[in-house]
């Protein structure tokens, strides 16, 4: 994860012509990462997280667990990004935080992170309740188009106590108390709900490509490397397919059966 951020920073410096080449383009091979066991919440814990968060943030839980959005993508959503009629969520930007600067809108993580995600009924209900009292605009810097940064009024879905854009650090502190109350491990963040979403899709039979597009991963390889252990039935299915095609015939290794 650290290397990914570092590589992105150097790539941006190259694009801005601050350096001629990135040191991360030198054929660096990273050591394998041990994924360990991923902690997934129960459906009850997901609902409890939404119940325990402040009402102004409750729907973030369903956007993460029901649509697979990253926290920055959730906090960068505007009212017009939700299409209740066709039941879709459009991910166009994210809310970013840099030291010494107020939260601002910026481009999503990768080009494939800009995507349209299906809007399940459970998420739509939470969002309708969230928007029942209206949604006032807030002034925010918008650097989504790096060539034309602007300051504009944005009807962000989620705002802080004072009506300002939500600071991710402040959100994390609020999240920690809810996470602890439902019995999830320390340091288990809202990103764990994104893993929950991916796992639900996989166990329902979704392909690697389907999960990749839903999560906004840049390549199917990233999806497979992250969730390969969630597709255990793929190996079994492969064995069954081969046995079904070849298993009914004698092989060279099959001992001859005496016909005496």
Protein backbone atom coordinates (compact mmCIF):
# COMPACT_ATOMS: atom_id res chain seq x y z
CA UNK A 1 0.00 0.00 0.00
CA UNK A 2 2.81 2.44 0.89
CA UNK A 3 4.59 1.65 -2.38
CA UNK A 4 1.37 2.23 -4.33
CA UNK A 5 1.01 5.74 -2.90
CA UNK A 6 4.71 6.46 -3.44
CA UNK A 7 4.51 5.30 -7.05
CA UNK A 8 1.47 7.51 -7.65
CA UNK A 9 3.29 10.54 -6.20
CA UNK A 10 6.31 10.03 -8.45
CA UNK A 11 4.07 9.46 -11.49
CA UNK A 12 2.31 12.76 -10.76
CA UNK A 13 5.68 14.51 -10.44
CA UNK A 14 6.64 13.19 -13.88
CA UNK A 15 3.38 14.43 -15.39
CA UNK A 16 3.96 17.85 -13.81
CA UNK A 17 7.54 17.81 -15.22
CA UNK A 18 9.11 18.16 -11.78
CA UNK A 19 11.26 15.10 -12.45
CA UNK A 20 12.17 13.39 -15.71
CA UNK A 21 11.45 9.82 -14.65
CA UNK A 22 10.02 7.90 -11.74
CA UNK A 23 12.37 5.73 -9.66
CA UNK A 24 9.44 3.32 -9.38
CA UNK A 25 9.76 2.52 -13.11
CA UNK A 26 13.02 0.63 -12.63
CA UNK A 27 11.66 -2.89 -12.56
CA UNK A 28 11.21 -2.97 -8.80
CA UNK A 29 9.84 -6.28 -7.55
CA UNK A 30 8.01 -6.09 -4.25
CA UNK A 31 8.04 -9.00 -1.81
CA UNK A 32 4.82 -11.02 -1.61
CA UNK A 33 2.23 -9.66 0.80
CA UNK A 34 0.62 -12.00 3.27
CA UNK A 35 -3.11 -11.31 3.17
CA UNK A 36 -3.81 -13.13 6.41
CA UNK A 37 -7.41 -13.75 7.39
CA UNK A 38 -9.79 -10.98 6.44
CA UNK A 39 -12.42 -10.13 9.06
CA UNK A 40 -15.87 -9.76 7.53
CA UNK A 41 -18.86 -8.43 9.49
CA UNK A 42 -22.20 -10.15 9.73
CA UNK A 43 -25.24 -8.53 8.16
CA UNK A 44 -26.40 -7.65 11.68
CA UNK A 45 -23.12 -5.88 12.40
CA UNK A 46 -23.45 -3.87 9.18
CA UNK A 47 -26.88 -2.62 10.22
CA UNK A 48 -25.65 -1.94 13.75
CA UNK A 49 -22.78 0.19 12.42
CA UNK A 50 -25.28 2.35 10.54
CA UNK A 51 -27.47 2.61 13.63
CA UNK A 52 -24.59 3.64 15.89
CA UNK A 53 -23.10 6.30 13.62
CA UNK A 54 -24.56 9.82 13.74
CA UNK A 55 -27.64 10.07 11.51
CA UNK A 56 -25.81 12.42 9.12
CA UNK A 57 -23.28 9.61 8.40
CA UNK A 58 -25.37 6.45 8.72
CA UNK A 59 -25.87 5.99 4.98
CA UNK A 60 -22.09 5.81 4.44
CA UNK A 61 -22.25 2.26 5.80
CA UNK A 62 -24.67 1.14 3.10
CA UNK A 63 -22.73 2.83 0.29
CA UNK A 64 -19.63 0.91 1.39
CA UNK A 65 -21.29 -2.45 2.10
CA UNK A 66 -23.93 -2.26 -0.64
CA UNK A 67 -22.03 -0.50 -3.45
CA UNK A 68 -18.38 -1.16 -2.60
CA UNK A 69 -17.34 2.50 -2.55
CA UNK A 70 -14.15 3.73 -0.92
CA UNK A 71 -14.47 6.32 1.87
CA UNK A 72 -13.13 9.16 -0.29
CA UNK A 73 -15.61 8.25 -3.04
CA UNK A 74 -18.48 8.22 -0.56
CA UNK A 75 -17.58 11.58 0.95
CA UNK A 76 -17.19 13.06 -2.55
CA UNK A 77 -20.69 12.08 -3.69
CA UNK A 78 -23.12 14.83 -4.63
CA UNK A 79 -26.90 14.60 -4.83
CA UNK A 80 -26.82 14.47 -8.64
CA UNK A 81 -24.57 11.40 -8.50
CA UNK A 82 -27.49 9.32 -7.19
CA UNK A 83 -30.02 8.29 -9.84
CA UNK A 84 -32.97 6.75 -8.03
CA UNK A 85 -34.94 6.26 -11.26
CA UNK A 86 -32.45 3.96 -12.98
CA UNK A 87 -31.01 2.80 -9.62
CA UNK A 88 -27.39 3.78 -10.17
CA UNK A 89 -24.62 5.58 -8.32
CA UNK A 90 -22.12 7.54 -10.41
CA UNK A 91 -18.62 7.73 -8.94
CA UNK A 92 -16.99 10.78 -10.52
CA UNK A 93 -14.67 12.22 -7.87
CA UNK A 94 -13.47 11.75 -4.32
CA UNK A 95 -13.03 13.99 -1.30
CA UNK A 96 -9.34 14.28 -0.46
CA UNK A 97 -7.41 15.61 2.52
CA UNK A 98 -3.87 16.95 2.43
CA UNK A 99 -1.90 18.36 5.34
CA UNK A 100 -2.36 22.11 5.62
CA UNK A 101 -5.40 22.18 3.37
CA UNK A 102 -9.15 21.85 3.92
CA UNK A 103 -10.86 18.79 2.37
CA UNK A 104 -11.26 19.24 -1.38
CA UNK A 105 -12.69 17.37 -4.34
CA UNK A 106 -10.23 15.60 -6.62
CA UNK A 107 -10.04 12.89 -9.26
CA UNK A 108 -10.73 9.29 -8.29
CA UNK A 109 -7.89 6.86 -7.57
CA UNK A 110 -7.52 5.51 -11.13
CA UNK A 111 -9.29 5.99 -14.44
CA UNK A 112 -11.30 2.80 -13.82
CA UNK A 113 -12.37 4.08 -10.41
CA UNK A 114 -14.71 6.48 -12.23
CA UNK A 115 -17.62 4.12 -12.67
CA UNK A 116 -21.35 3.54 -12.41
CA UNK A 117 -22.47 1.15 -9.67
CA UNK A 118 -25.84 -0.53 -9.28
CA UNK A 119 -27.99 0.92 -6.47
CA UNK A 120 -29.56 -1.87 -4.39
CA UNK A 121 -32.91 -1.18 -2.70
CA UNK A 122 -31.42 -1.30 0.80
CA UNK A 123 -28.96 1.44 -0.13
CA UNK A 124 -31.63 3.48 -1.93
CA UNK A 125 -33.87 3.39 1.15
CA UNK A 126 -31.01 4.60 3.37
CA UNK A 127 -30.19 7.41 0.94
CA UNK A 128 -33.81 8.54 0.61
CA UNK A 129 -34.06 8.74 4.40
CA UNK A 130 -30.76 10.61 4.49
CA UNK A 131 -32.01 13.16 1.94
CA UNK A 132 -35.49 13.53 3.40
CA UNK A 133 -34.65 16.88 5.01
CA UNK A 134 -32.90 18.25 1.93
CA UNK A 135 -29.23 18.81 1.21
CA UNK A 136 -27.72 22.29 1.28
CA UNK A 137 -24.71 23.15 -0.84
CA UNK A 138 -21.31 23.84 0.68
CA UNK A 139 -18.40 25.78 -0.80
CA UNK A 140 -15.46 23.52 -1.60
CA UNK A 141 -12.35 23.52 -3.79
CA UNK A 142 -12.77 21.24 -6.78
CA UNK A 143 -9.52 19.97 -8.33
CA UNK A 144 -11.15 17.12 -10.24
CA UNK A 145 -9.90 18.73 -13.43
CA UNK A 146 -6.33 19.53 -12.42
CA UNK A 147 -5.98 21.97 -15.31
CA UNK A 148 -9.00 24.00 -14.19
CA UNK A 149 -9.30 23.94 -10.39
CA UNK A 150 -12.30 25.92 -9.14
CA UNK A 151 -14.07 26.73 -5.93
CA UNK A 152 -17.77 26.01 -6.19
CA UNK A 153 -20.94 25.14 -4.35
CA UNK A 154 -21.33 21.37 -4.07
CA UNK A 155 -24.37 19.51 -2.77
CA UNK A 156 -22.31 16.90 -0.97
CA UNK A 157 -24.34 14.03 0.47
CA UNK A 158 -22.36 13.99 3.70
CA UNK A 159 -21.23 16.93 5.77
CA UNK A 160 -19.68 17.60 9.13
CA UNK A 161 -21.40 18.88 12.24
CA UNK A 162 -21.05 22.47 11.05
CA UNK A 163 -22.11 21.77 7.47
CA UNK A 164 -18.55 21.56 6.14
CA UNK A 165 -17.12 18.69 4.04
CA UNK A 166 -16.34 15.68 6.20
CA UNK A 167 -12.70 15.33 7.20
CA UNK A 168 -11.59 11.69 6.89
CA UNK A 169 -9.64 11.91 10.16
CA UNK A 170 -12.71 13.14 12.02
CA UNK A 171 -14.77 10.39 10.43
CA UNK A 172 -12.26 7.78 11.61
CA UNK A 173 -12.64 8.88 15.22
CA UNK A 174 -16.42 8.74 14.95
CA UNK A 175 -16.19 5.37 13.25
CA UNK A 176 -13.96 3.89 15.96
CA UNK A 177 -16.62 4.08 18.66
CA UNK A 178 -19.23 2.40 16.44
CA UNK A 179 -16.76 -0.27 15.35
CA UNK A 180 -15.86 -1.07 18.94
CA UNK A 181 -19.52 -1.24 19.98
CA UNK A 182 -20.35 -3.92 17.40
CA UNK A 183 -17.33 -6.05 18.33
CA UNK A 184 -15.12 -5.62 15.27
CA UNK A 185 -11.31 -5.59 15.72
CA UNK A 186 -9.29 -2.50 16.46
CA UNK A 187 -8.11 -0.66 13.34
CA UNK A 188 -10.91 -2.29 11.32
CA UNK A 189 -12.03 0.57 9.10
CA UNK A 190 -14.91 1.27 6.75
CA UNK A 191 -12.79 -0.27 3.97
CA UNK A 192 -13.72 -3.60 5.55
CA UNK A 193 -17.25 -3.03 4.26
CA UNK A 194 -15.86 -2.78 0.74
CA UNK A 195 -14.36 -6.24 1.27
CA UNK A 196 -17.76 -7.38 2.55
CA UNK A 197 -19.36 -6.14 -0.68
CA UNK A 198 -16.80 -7.92 -2.86
CA UNK A 199 -17.18 -11.16 -0.93
CA UNK A 200 -20.97 -11.11 -1.25
CA UNK A 201 -20.62 -10.73 -5.03
CA UNK A 202 -18.04 -13.50 -5.29
CA UNK A 203 -19.96 -16.01 -3.20
CA UNK A 204 -23.04 -15.32 -5.33
CA UNK A 205 -21.11 -16.42 -8.41
CA UNK A 206 -19.80 -13.10 -9.80
CA UNK A 207 -16.83 -13.35 -12.14
CA UNK A 208 -13.47 -11.68 -11.58
CA UNK A 209 -14.31 -9.13 -14.29
CA UNK A 210 -17.66 -8.27 -12.72
CA UNK A 211 -16.08 -7.70 -9.31
CA UNK A 212 -13.25 -5.67 -10.85
CA UNK A 213 -15.66 -3.29 -12.57
CA UNK A 214 -17.85 -2.95 -9.47
CA UNK A 215 -14.87 -2.11 -7.26
CA UNK A 216 -13.16 0.10 -9.82
CA UNK A 217 -9.87 -1.82 -9.78
CA UNK A 218 -7.51 -0.89 -12.59
CA UNK A 219 -7.01 -4.51 -13.70
CA UNK A 220 -8.62 -7.92 -13.07
CA UNK A 221 -5.23 -9.04 -11.72
CA UNK A 222 -5.58 -6.71 -8.73
CA UNK A 223 -9.03 -8.14 -8.01
CA UNK A 224 -7.85 -11.72 -8.32
CA UNK A 225 -4.77 -11.15 -6.17
CA UNK A 226 -6.91 -9.53 -3.49
CA UNK A 227 -9.75 -12.05 -3.43
CA UNK A 228 -8.39 -15.25 -4.95
CA UNK A 229 -9.03 -17.16 -1.72
CA UNK A 230 -12.73 -16.24 -2.02
CA UNK A 231 -13.05 -18.30 -5.23
CA UNK A 232 -12.22 -21.77 -3.82
CA UNK A 233 -14.96 -23.38 -5.89
CA UNK A 234 -13.17 -22.37 -9.09
CA UNK A 235 -10.54 -25.06 -8.49
CA UNK A 236 -13.19 -27.66 -7.75
CA UNK A 237 -15.12 -26.64 -10.87
CA UNK A 238 -11.95 -26.99 -12.96
CA UNK A 239 -11.36 -30.50 -11.65
CA UNK A 240 -14.96 -31.50 -12.34
CA UNK A 241 -14.82 -30.16 -15.89
CA UNK A 242 -11.68 -32.17 -16.69
CA UNK A 243 -12.97 -35.30 -15.00
CA UNK A 244 -16.23 -34.90 -16.89
CA UNK A 245 -14.39 -34.67 -20.20
CA UNK A 246 -11.68 -37.28 -19.66
CA UNK A 247 -12.63 -39.32 -16.63
CA UNK A 248 -14.89 -41.78 -18.44
CA UNK A 249 -12.10 -43.18 -20.62
CA UNK A 250 -9.15 -45.43 -19.90
CA UNK A 251 -5.82 -43.67 -19.69
CA UNK A 252 -2.35 -44.98 -20.43
CA UNK A 253 -1.89 -45.35 -16.68
CA UNK A 254 -5.08 -47.38 -16.21
CA UNK A 255 -4.19 -51.02 -15.57
CA UNK A 256 -5.67 -53.44 -18.08
CA UNK A 257 -8.67 -55.32 -16.78
CA UNK A 258 -8.41 -59.07 -17.11
CA UNK A 259 -11.22 -60.47 -19.26
CA UNK A 260 -10.57 -64.08 -18.20
